[in-house]
Amino acid sequence: MAVSLLEAPQDSYIAEAKYKPERLRSKLRKQGISGPPPSFLLGNTRDVKKKIQYSKPSKVPCDEEQVVTHNYSSTLFPFHEQCRKEYDVVREISMCTSLDLGKPSYQRKELGPLLGQGILTSNGTIWAHQRRTLAPELYPQKVKVNMPFFSGSSIVQTKDTSPTYAI
C-alpha cells in the first residue's frame, strides 16, 4: 500500500508529461500546423540528425586558394532553406492576431504579488491595453524631448554614488 502511494505522484507526473504535449500538438494540427513526430524523451533529435545527414554539403571551391566563409548556418541548420521556402506557413504565422502570447500562467500565480499585472507577465486584453498605454511614450520624438532629463538624472545619480577616496 505504501509503495502504491509513492508511485501515484510519479504516474500522474509521467501522464501529464506525455499527454499534455499531445493535446497541444492536436490543437496545432487542427489549425493546420504540423511537424515531425516527437519521441517521449529525445524530442525530435532523430529527425534533425536525418536532415543533417541527407542534406547537400555546401560547394567547396576547387581552386588552389581556399576561400574561407563564415556562413556556418548552412552547416548547423541544413534544413533552414527548406523551411524558408514554405511561404504560406510564414504568412499564416505573421497574420496571426492572437493576443495569447504564450506566457505561462504560473508566472502570474507565483510571481503575481511581486510583479503585479505588468506588461512582462500579462496576456490578452490586459497586455493590449498596457501596450496602447506605453507605446506613445516610447516614440522617438518623446524620447528626444526627455533626453536631457535622462542624462541629468544619471549625472546626479553617479555623483551621489561615486566613492570618494582620501589620500
N, C-alpha and C. Protein backbone atom coordinates (compact mmCIF):
# COMPACT_ATOMS: atom_id res chain seq x y z
N MET A 1 0.82 -1.19 0.00
CA MET A 1 0.00 0.00 0.00
C MET A 1 0.87 1.26 0.00
N ALA A 2 1.95 1.25 0.81
CA ALA A 2 2.83 2.41 0.88
C ALA A 2 3.54 2.63 -0.45
N VAL A 3 3.87 1.53 -1.13
CA VAL A 3 4.54 1.65 -2.42
C VAL A 3 3.60 2.29 -3.43
N SER A 4 2.33 1.89 -3.42
CA SER A 4 1.38 2.45 -4.37
C SER A 4 1.14 3.93 -4.10
N LEU A 5 1.20 4.37 -2.84
CA LEU A 5 1.04 5.78 -2.52
C LEU A 5 2.23 6.60 -3.02
N LEU A 6 3.41 5.99 -3.02
CA LEU A 6 4.59 6.69 -3.52
C LEU A 6 4.62 6.72 -5.04
N GLU A 7 4.05 5.72 -5.69
CA GLU A 7 4.07 5.66 -7.14
C GLU A 7 3.00 6.54 -7.78
N ALA A 8 1.95 6.86 -7.07
CA ALA A 8 0.84 7.64 -7.63
C ALA A 8 1.28 9.01 -8.13
N PRO A 9 2.07 9.78 -7.37
CA PRO A 9 2.50 11.08 -7.90
C PRO A 9 3.41 10.94 -9.13
N GLN A 10 4.24 9.90 -9.14
CA GLN A 10 5.11 9.69 -10.29
C GLN A 10 4.29 9.36 -11.53
N ASP A 11 3.27 8.52 -11.37
CA ASP A 11 2.43 8.16 -12.50
C ASP A 11 1.68 9.37 -13.04
N SER A 12 1.18 10.22 -12.16
CA SER A 12 0.45 11.40 -12.64
C SER A 12 1.40 12.37 -13.34
N TYR A 13 2.63 12.49 -12.84
CA TYR A 13 3.61 13.36 -13.49
C TYR A 13 3.96 12.84 -14.88
N ILE A 14 4.19 11.55 -14.99
CA ILE A 14 4.53 10.95 -16.29
C ILE A 14 3.36 11.10 -17.25
N ALA A 15 2.15 10.87 -16.76
CA ALA A 15 0.97 11.01 -17.63
C ALA A 15 0.84 12.45 -18.13
N GLU A 16 1.07 13.42 -17.25
CA GLU A 16 0.97 14.82 -17.67
C GLU A 16 2.08 15.18 -18.64
N ALA A 17 3.29 14.68 -18.39
CA ALA A 17 4.41 14.97 -19.27
C ALA A 17 4.22 14.35 -20.65
N LYS A 18 3.48 13.26 -20.73
CA LYS A 18 3.28 12.60 -22.01
C LYS A 18 2.04 13.12 -22.74
N TYR A 19 0.94 13.34 -22.02
CA TYR A 19 -0.33 13.64 -22.69
C TYR A 19 -0.58 15.13 -22.89
N LYS A 20 -0.01 15.98 -22.07
CA LYS A 20 -0.23 17.42 -22.27
C LYS A 20 0.39 17.90 -23.59
N PRO A 21 1.63 17.51 -23.92
CA PRO A 21 2.16 17.90 -25.23
C PRO A 21 1.34 17.34 -26.39
N GLU A 22 0.78 16.16 -26.21
CA GLU A 22 -0.05 15.58 -27.27
C GLU A 22 -1.31 16.40 -27.48
N ARG A 23 -1.90 16.89 -26.40
CA ARG A 23 -3.08 17.76 -26.54
C ARG A 23 -2.72 19.04 -27.27
N LEU A 24 -1.56 19.61 -26.94
CA LEU A 24 -1.13 20.83 -27.61
C LEU A 24 -0.87 20.58 -29.09
N ARG A 25 -0.24 19.44 -29.42
CA ARG A 25 0.01 19.11 -30.82
C ARG A 25 -1.30 18.91 -31.58
N SER A 26 -2.31 18.32 -30.93
CA SER A 26 -3.59 18.12 -31.61
C SER A 26 -4.26 19.46 -31.90
N LYS A 27 -4.12 20.43 -30.99
CA LYS A 27 -4.66 21.77 -31.26
C LYS A 27 -3.95 22.41 -32.45
N LEU A 28 -2.64 22.24 -32.53
CA LEU A 28 -1.90 22.79 -33.66
C LEU A 28 -2.28 22.10 -34.96
N ARG A 29 -2.47 20.78 -34.92
CA ARG A 29 -2.87 20.05 -36.13
C ARG A 29 -4.23 20.52 -36.62
N LYS A 30 -5.15 20.81 -35.70
CA LYS A 30 -6.46 21.32 -36.10
C LYS A 30 -6.34 22.66 -36.82
N GLN A 31 -5.31 23.43 -36.48
CA GLN A 31 -5.09 24.72 -37.13
C GLN A 31 -4.28 24.58 -38.41
N GLY A 32 -3.85 23.36 -38.73
CA GLY A 32 -3.10 23.12 -39.96
C GLY A 32 -1.60 23.21 -39.80
N ILE A 33 -1.11 23.24 -38.58
CA ILE A 33 0.33 23.32 -38.34
C ILE A 33 0.81 21.94 -37.95
N SER A 34 1.72 21.39 -38.73
CA SER A 34 2.23 20.05 -38.44
C SER A 34 3.74 20.11 -38.28
N GLY A 35 4.28 19.02 -37.82
CA GLY A 35 5.71 18.96 -37.63
C GLY A 35 6.15 17.52 -37.54
N PRO A 36 7.42 17.30 -37.27
CA PRO A 36 7.91 15.93 -37.16
C PRO A 36 7.35 15.25 -35.92
N PRO A 37 7.17 13.94 -35.98
CA PRO A 37 6.66 13.25 -34.81
C PRO A 37 7.71 13.22 -33.70
N PRO A 38 7.36 13.61 -32.49
CA PRO A 38 8.34 13.62 -31.41
C PRO A 38 8.43 12.26 -30.74
N SER A 39 9.51 12.06 -30.04
CA SER A 39 9.59 10.89 -29.18
C SER A 39 9.57 11.40 -27.74
N PHE A 40 9.26 10.54 -26.82
CA PHE A 40 8.97 10.97 -25.45
C PHE A 40 10.17 11.65 -24.78
N LEU A 41 11.32 11.03 -24.81
CA LEU A 41 12.46 11.59 -24.10
C LEU A 41 13.42 12.37 -25.00
N LEU A 42 13.51 12.02 -26.26
CA LEU A 42 14.51 12.61 -27.12
C LEU A 42 14.02 13.81 -27.92
N GLY A 43 12.73 14.08 -27.94
CA GLY A 43 12.22 15.18 -28.75
C GLY A 43 12.31 14.82 -30.22
N ASN A 44 12.76 15.73 -31.05
CA ASN A 44 12.87 15.44 -32.47
C ASN A 44 14.34 15.42 -32.92
N THR A 45 15.23 14.99 -32.04
CA THR A 45 16.65 14.97 -32.40
C THR A 45 16.95 13.98 -33.52
N ARG A 46 16.21 12.88 -33.57
CA ARG A 46 16.44 11.92 -34.67
C ARG A 46 16.11 12.55 -36.01
N ASP A 47 15.03 13.30 -36.07
CA ASP A 47 14.64 13.95 -37.31
C ASP A 47 15.69 14.97 -37.74
N VAL A 48 16.22 15.72 -36.80
CA VAL A 48 17.25 16.71 -37.11
C VAL A 48 18.50 16.01 -37.62
N LYS A 49 18.89 14.90 -37.00
CA LYS A 49 20.07 14.16 -37.45
C LYS A 49 19.88 13.63 -38.86
N LYS A 50 18.67 13.13 -39.18
CA LYS A 50 18.41 12.64 -40.54
C LYS A 50 18.53 13.77 -41.55
N LYS A 51 17.97 14.93 -41.23
CA LYS A 51 18.03 16.05 -42.16
C LYS A 51 19.47 16.50 -42.36
N ILE A 52 20.26 16.50 -41.31
CA ILE A 52 21.67 16.88 -41.44
C ILE A 52 22.41 15.86 -42.28
N GLN A 53 22.11 14.58 -42.08
CA GLN A 53 22.80 13.52 -42.80
C GLN A 53 22.48 13.56 -44.30
N TYR A 54 21.21 13.83 -44.64
CA TYR A 54 20.80 13.80 -46.04
C TYR A 54 20.88 15.15 -46.74
N SER A 55 21.34 16.16 -46.05
CA SER A 55 21.42 17.48 -46.68
C SER A 55 22.62 17.51 -47.62
N LYS A 56 22.51 18.39 -48.60
CA LYS A 56 23.60 18.52 -49.56
C LYS A 56 24.73 19.31 -48.92
N PRO A 57 25.95 18.83 -49.02
CA PRO A 57 27.05 19.61 -48.48
C PRO A 57 27.26 20.87 -49.31
N SER A 58 27.71 21.93 -48.66
CA SER A 58 27.94 23.18 -49.38
C SER A 58 29.09 23.00 -50.35
N LYS A 59 29.01 23.70 -51.46
CA LYS A 59 30.02 23.57 -52.51
C LYS A 59 31.32 24.23 -52.07
N VAL A 60 32.39 23.48 -52.15
CA VAL A 60 33.71 23.99 -51.79
C VAL A 60 34.46 24.27 -53.08
N PRO A 61 35.03 25.45 -53.24
CA PRO A 61 35.75 25.73 -54.48
C PRO A 61 36.97 24.83 -54.62
N CYS A 62 37.26 24.46 -55.86
CA CYS A 62 38.37 23.55 -56.14
C CYS A 62 39.63 24.30 -56.55
N ASP A 63 39.66 25.59 -56.37
CA ASP A 63 40.84 26.35 -56.75
C ASP A 63 41.99 26.05 -55.80
N GLU A 64 43.16 26.52 -56.20
CA GLU A 64 44.32 26.33 -55.33
C GLU A 64 44.15 27.12 -54.03
N GLU A 65 43.50 28.24 -54.15
CA GLU A 65 43.33 29.10 -53.00
C GLU A 65 41.97 28.81 -52.36
N GLN A 66 41.98 28.33 -51.14
CA GLN A 66 40.73 28.01 -50.45
C GLN A 66 40.08 29.30 -49.93
N VAL A 67 38.79 29.43 -50.16
CA VAL A 67 38.06 30.60 -49.69
C VAL A 67 37.41 30.25 -48.36
N VAL A 68 37.63 31.09 -47.38
CA VAL A 68 37.05 30.88 -46.06
C VAL A 68 35.80 31.74 -45.95
N THR A 69 34.68 31.10 -45.64
CA THR A 69 33.45 31.86 -45.43
C THR A 69 32.99 31.63 -44.00
N HIS A 70 32.24 32.57 -43.51
CA HIS A 70 31.73 32.46 -42.15
C HIS A 70 30.24 32.14 -42.16
N ASN A 71 29.81 31.43 -43.18
CA ASN A 71 28.42 31.04 -43.29
C ASN A 71 28.25 29.69 -42.61
N TYR A 72 28.14 29.70 -41.31
CA TYR A 72 28.02 28.46 -40.55
C TYR A 72 26.58 28.01 -40.41
N SER A 73 25.63 28.85 -40.80
CA SER A 73 24.23 28.47 -40.63
C SER A 73 23.87 27.29 -41.52
N SER A 74 24.48 27.18 -42.69
CA SER A 74 24.17 26.05 -43.56
C SER A 74 24.71 24.74 -42.97
N THR A 75 25.75 24.82 -42.17
CA THR A 75 26.27 23.62 -41.52
C THR A 75 25.43 23.24 -40.31
N LEU A 76 25.06 24.24 -39.52
CA LEU A 76 24.29 23.96 -38.32
C LEU A 76 22.83 23.65 -38.61
N PHE A 77 22.26 24.37 -39.58
CA PHE A 77 20.84 24.21 -39.90
C PHE A 77 20.68 23.93 -41.39
N PRO A 78 20.99 22.73 -41.85
CA PRO A 78 20.93 22.46 -43.29
C PRO A 78 19.51 22.45 -43.83
N PHE A 79 18.52 22.30 -42.99
CA PHE A 79 17.14 22.28 -43.46
C PHE A 79 16.49 23.66 -43.38
N HIS A 80 17.26 24.67 -43.04
CA HIS A 80 16.72 26.02 -42.94
C HIS A 80 16.19 26.50 -44.29
N GLU A 81 16.88 26.16 -45.35
CA GLU A 81 16.44 26.58 -46.69
C GLU A 81 15.09 25.98 -47.02
N GLN A 82 14.87 24.74 -46.66
CA GLN A 82 13.58 24.09 -46.91
C GLN A 82 12.48 24.80 -46.13
N CYS A 83 12.74 25.13 -44.89
CA CYS A 83 11.73 25.82 -44.07
C CYS A 83 11.48 27.22 -44.59
N ARG A 84 12.50 27.85 -45.11
CA ARG A 84 12.37 29.22 -45.59
C ARG A 84 11.51 29.30 -46.84
N LYS A 85 11.46 28.22 -47.60
CA LYS A 85 10.70 28.23 -48.84
C LYS A 85 9.21 27.97 -48.64
N GLU A 86 8.79 27.66 -47.43
CA GLU A 86 7.37 27.43 -47.17
C GLU A 86 6.73 28.77 -46.80
N TYR A 87 6.45 29.58 -47.83
CA TYR A 87 5.97 30.93 -47.59
C TYR A 87 4.57 30.98 -47.01
N ASP A 88 3.73 30.01 -47.33
CA ASP A 88 2.37 30.04 -46.82
C ASP A 88 2.34 29.87 -45.30
N VAL A 89 3.26 29.08 -44.76
CA VAL A 89 3.32 28.91 -43.31
C VAL A 89 3.78 30.21 -42.65
N VAL A 90 4.77 30.85 -43.25
CA VAL A 90 5.26 32.13 -42.72
C VAL A 90 4.14 33.16 -42.76
N ARG A 91 3.36 33.15 -43.83
CA ARG A 91 2.25 34.09 -43.96
C ARG A 91 1.21 33.84 -42.87
N GLU A 92 0.88 32.58 -42.62
CA GLU A 92 -0.10 32.26 -41.58
C GLU A 92 0.38 32.70 -40.20
N ILE A 93 1.66 32.49 -39.94
CA ILE A 93 2.20 32.88 -38.64
C ILE A 93 2.19 34.40 -38.49
N SER A 94 2.56 35.11 -39.56
CA SER A 94 2.59 36.57 -39.47
C SER A 94 1.20 37.18 -39.44
N MET A 95 0.20 36.49 -39.97
CA MET A 95 -1.17 37.01 -39.96
C MET A 95 -1.89 36.71 -38.65
N CYS A 96 -1.30 35.93 -37.79
CA CYS A 96 -1.94 35.57 -36.53
C CYS A 96 -2.07 36.82 -35.66
N THR A 97 -3.28 37.08 -35.19
CA THR A 97 -3.52 38.26 -34.36
C THR A 97 -3.94 37.88 -32.95
N SER A 98 -3.61 36.69 -32.55
CA SER A 98 -3.98 36.24 -31.21
C SER A 98 -3.24 37.06 -30.16
N LEU A 99 -3.94 37.41 -29.12
CA LEU A 99 -3.31 38.15 -28.02
C LEU A 99 -2.75 37.22 -26.96
N ASP A 100 -2.92 35.92 -27.14
CA ASP A 100 -2.35 34.97 -26.20
C ASP A 100 -0.89 34.79 -26.58
N LEU A 101 0.00 35.39 -25.81
CA LEU A 101 1.41 35.42 -26.16
C LEU A 101 2.18 34.22 -25.66
N GLY A 102 1.50 33.28 -25.04
CA GLY A 102 2.16 32.08 -24.59
C GLY A 102 2.91 32.23 -23.29
N LYS A 103 2.65 33.29 -22.58
CA LYS A 103 3.32 33.46 -21.30
C LYS A 103 2.65 32.53 -20.30
N PRO A 104 3.42 31.76 -19.57
CA PRO A 104 2.82 30.75 -18.70
C PRO A 104 2.03 31.35 -17.55
N SER A 105 0.97 30.65 -17.20
CA SER A 105 0.11 31.14 -16.12
C SER A 105 0.77 31.02 -14.76
N TYR A 106 1.77 30.14 -14.63
CA TYR A 106 2.43 30.01 -13.33
C TYR A 106 3.17 31.29 -12.95
N GLN A 107 3.58 32.08 -13.96
CA GLN A 107 4.22 33.36 -13.63
C GLN A 107 3.24 34.27 -12.90
N ARG A 108 2.00 34.30 -13.39
CA ARG A 108 1.01 35.15 -12.74
C ARG A 108 0.66 34.63 -11.37
N LYS A 109 0.63 33.31 -11.22
CA LYS A 109 0.24 32.73 -9.94
C LYS A 109 1.34 32.89 -8.90
N GLU A 110 2.56 32.50 -9.26
CA GLU A 110 3.65 32.51 -8.30
C GLU A 110 4.24 33.90 -8.08
N LEU A 111 4.44 34.63 -9.17
CA LEU A 111 5.11 35.92 -9.07
C LEU A 111 4.15 37.09 -9.12
N GLY A 112 2.85 36.82 -9.08
CA GLY A 112 1.84 37.87 -9.15
C GLY A 112 2.00 38.96 -8.10
N PRO A 113 2.16 38.60 -6.83
CA PRO A 113 2.32 39.65 -5.82
C PRO A 113 3.60 40.46 -6.03
N LEU A 114 4.62 39.86 -6.58
CA LEU A 114 5.88 40.56 -6.79
C LEU A 114 5.84 41.45 -8.03
N LEU A 115 5.35 40.90 -9.15
CA LEU A 115 5.38 41.62 -10.42
C LEU A 115 4.08 42.34 -10.75
N GLY A 116 2.97 41.95 -10.13
CA GLY A 116 1.69 42.55 -10.45
C GLY A 116 1.22 42.08 -11.82
N GLN A 117 0.38 42.89 -12.44
CA GLN A 117 -0.09 42.56 -13.79
C GLN A 117 0.58 43.49 -14.78
N GLY A 118 1.90 43.49 -14.76
CA GLY A 118 2.66 44.35 -15.64
C GLY A 118 2.74 43.79 -17.04
N ILE A 119 3.40 44.52 -17.91
CA ILE A 119 3.47 44.13 -19.32
C ILE A 119 4.31 42.87 -19.51
N LEU A 120 5.19 42.57 -18.55
CA LEU A 120 6.03 41.39 -18.69
C LEU A 120 5.28 40.09 -18.45
N THR A 121 4.27 40.12 -17.60
CA THR A 121 3.59 38.88 -17.23
C THR A 121 2.17 38.79 -17.75
N SER A 122 1.68 39.80 -18.45
CA SER A 122 0.27 39.79 -18.84
C SER A 122 0.09 39.23 -20.24
N ASN A 123 -1.11 38.78 -20.50
CA ASN A 123 -1.53 38.22 -21.79
C ASN A 123 -2.84 38.87 -22.18
N GLY A 124 -3.22 38.68 -23.41
CA GLY A 124 -4.56 39.03 -23.85
C GLY A 124 -4.87 40.51 -23.81
N THR A 125 -6.07 40.82 -23.37
CA THR A 125 -6.56 42.20 -23.41
C THR A 125 -5.80 43.10 -22.44
N ILE A 126 -5.33 42.53 -21.32
CA ILE A 126 -4.55 43.34 -20.37
C ILE A 126 -3.25 43.78 -21.03
N TRP A 127 -2.60 42.87 -21.75
CA TRP A 127 -1.36 43.21 -22.44
C TRP A 127 -1.61 44.25 -23.52
N ALA A 128 -2.69 44.09 -24.29
CA ALA A 128 -3.01 45.03 -25.37
C ALA A 128 -3.26 46.43 -24.80
N HIS A 129 -3.97 46.50 -23.69
CA HIS A 129 -4.24 47.80 -23.06
C HIS A 129 -2.94 48.45 -22.60
N GLN A 130 -2.07 47.69 -21.96
CA GLN A 130 -0.81 48.24 -21.47
C GLN A 130 0.08 48.67 -22.63
N ARG A 131 0.05 47.93 -23.72
CA ARG A 131 0.86 48.29 -24.88
C ARG A 131 0.36 49.60 -25.48
N ARG A 132 -0.96 49.75 -25.59
CA ARG A 132 -1.51 51.01 -26.11
C ARG A 132 -1.17 52.18 -25.20
N THR A 133 -1.07 51.93 -23.91
CA THR A 133 -0.74 52.99 -22.97
C THR A 133 0.74 53.37 -23.05
N LEU A 134 1.62 52.38 -23.17
CA LEU A 134 3.06 52.64 -23.15
C LEU A 134 3.63 53.07 -24.49
N ALA A 135 3.09 52.60 -25.58
CA ALA A 135 3.69 52.83 -26.90
C ALA A 135 3.88 54.31 -27.22
N PRO A 136 2.90 55.19 -26.99
CA PRO A 136 3.13 56.61 -27.33
C PRO A 136 4.27 57.24 -26.55
N GLU A 137 4.54 56.76 -25.36
CA GLU A 137 5.62 57.34 -24.56
C GLU A 137 6.99 56.94 -25.08
N LEU A 138 7.06 55.91 -25.91
CA LEU A 138 8.35 55.44 -26.42
C LEU A 138 8.59 55.84 -27.87
N TYR A 139 7.77 56.73 -28.42
CA TYR A 139 8.02 57.23 -29.76
C TYR A 139 9.30 58.06 -29.74
N PRO A 140 10.06 58.06 -30.84
CA PRO A 140 11.35 58.78 -30.85
C PRO A 140 11.23 60.27 -30.50
N GLN A 141 10.15 60.93 -30.91
CA GLN A 141 10.01 62.36 -30.61
C GLN A 141 9.95 62.60 -29.10
N LYS A 142 9.19 61.77 -28.40
CA LYS A 142 9.07 61.95 -26.94
C LYS A 142 10.38 61.61 -26.24
N VAL A 143 11.08 60.60 -26.74
CA VAL A 143 12.35 60.22 -26.11
C VAL A 143 13.38 61.33 -26.30
N LYS A 144 13.40 61.95 -27.50
CA LYS A 144 14.35 63.04 -27.76
C LYS A 144 14.07 64.24 -26.85
N VAL A 145 12.79 64.54 -26.63
CA VAL A 145 12.43 65.66 -25.76
C VAL A 145 12.89 65.40 -24.33
N ASN A 146 12.77 64.17 -23.87
CA ASN A 146 13.09 63.85 -22.48
C ASN A 146 14.54 63.47 -22.25
N MET A 147 15.35 63.43 -23.30
CA MET A 147 16.75 63.01 -23.17
C MET A 147 17.55 63.87 -22.19
N PRO A 148 17.41 65.20 -22.18
CA PRO A 148 18.16 65.98 -21.18
C PRO A 148 17.81 65.60 -19.74
N PHE A 149 16.56 65.25 -19.49
CA PHE A 149 16.18 64.83 -18.15
C PHE A 149 16.85 63.51 -17.78
N PHE A 150 16.93 62.59 -18.76
CA PHE A 150 17.57 61.30 -18.50
C PHE A 150 19.04 61.49 -18.17
N SER A 151 19.74 62.27 -19.00
CA SER A 151 21.18 62.45 -18.78
C SER A 151 21.43 63.23 -17.49
N GLY A 152 20.61 64.22 -17.20
CA GLY A 152 20.78 64.98 -15.96
C GLY A 152 20.60 64.12 -14.73
N SER A 153 19.59 63.27 -14.74
CA SER A 153 19.37 62.42 -13.57
C SER A 153 20.47 61.38 -13.43
N SER A 154 21.03 60.91 -14.55
CA SER A 154 22.11 59.93 -14.44
C SER A 154 23.38 60.57 -13.89
N ILE A 155 23.63 61.83 -14.24
CA ILE A 155 24.81 62.52 -13.70
C ILE A 155 24.65 62.72 -12.20
N VAL A 156 23.46 63.11 -11.77
CA VAL A 156 23.21 63.29 -10.34
C VAL A 156 23.38 61.97 -9.61
N GLN A 157 22.87 60.88 -10.19
CA GLN A 157 22.98 59.57 -9.55
C GLN A 157 24.43 59.13 -9.43
N THR A 158 25.24 59.35 -10.46
CA THR A 158 26.64 58.92 -10.39
C THR A 158 27.43 59.77 -9.42
N LYS A 159 27.09 61.06 -9.29
CA LYS A 159 27.79 61.90 -8.31
C LYS A 159 27.46 61.46 -6.90
N ASP A 160 26.20 61.10 -6.68
CA ASP A 160 25.78 60.70 -5.33
C ASP A 160 26.39 59.36 -4.92
N THR A 161 26.56 58.46 -5.87
CA THR A 161 27.00 57.11 -5.52
C THR A 161 28.49 56.88 -5.73
N SER A 162 29.19 57.83 -6.35
CA SER A 162 30.61 57.59 -6.60
C SER A 162 31.38 57.71 -5.29
N PRO A 163 32.27 56.77 -5.05
CA PRO A 163 33.03 56.80 -3.79
C PRO A 163 34.09 57.89 -3.83
N THR A 164 34.33 58.48 -2.71
CA THR A 164 35.40 59.47 -2.60
C THR A 164 36.53 58.85 -1.80
N TYR A 165 37.72 59.01 -2.32
CA TYR A 165 38.89 58.42 -1.67
C TYR A 165 39.76 59.54 -1.10
N ALA A 166 40.14 59.40 0.13
CA ALA A 166 41.03 60.38 0.77
C ALA A 166 42.46 59.87 0.66
N ILE A 167 43.32 60.75 0.25
CA ILE A 167 44.72 60.36 0.08
C ILE A 167 45.53 60.81 1.27
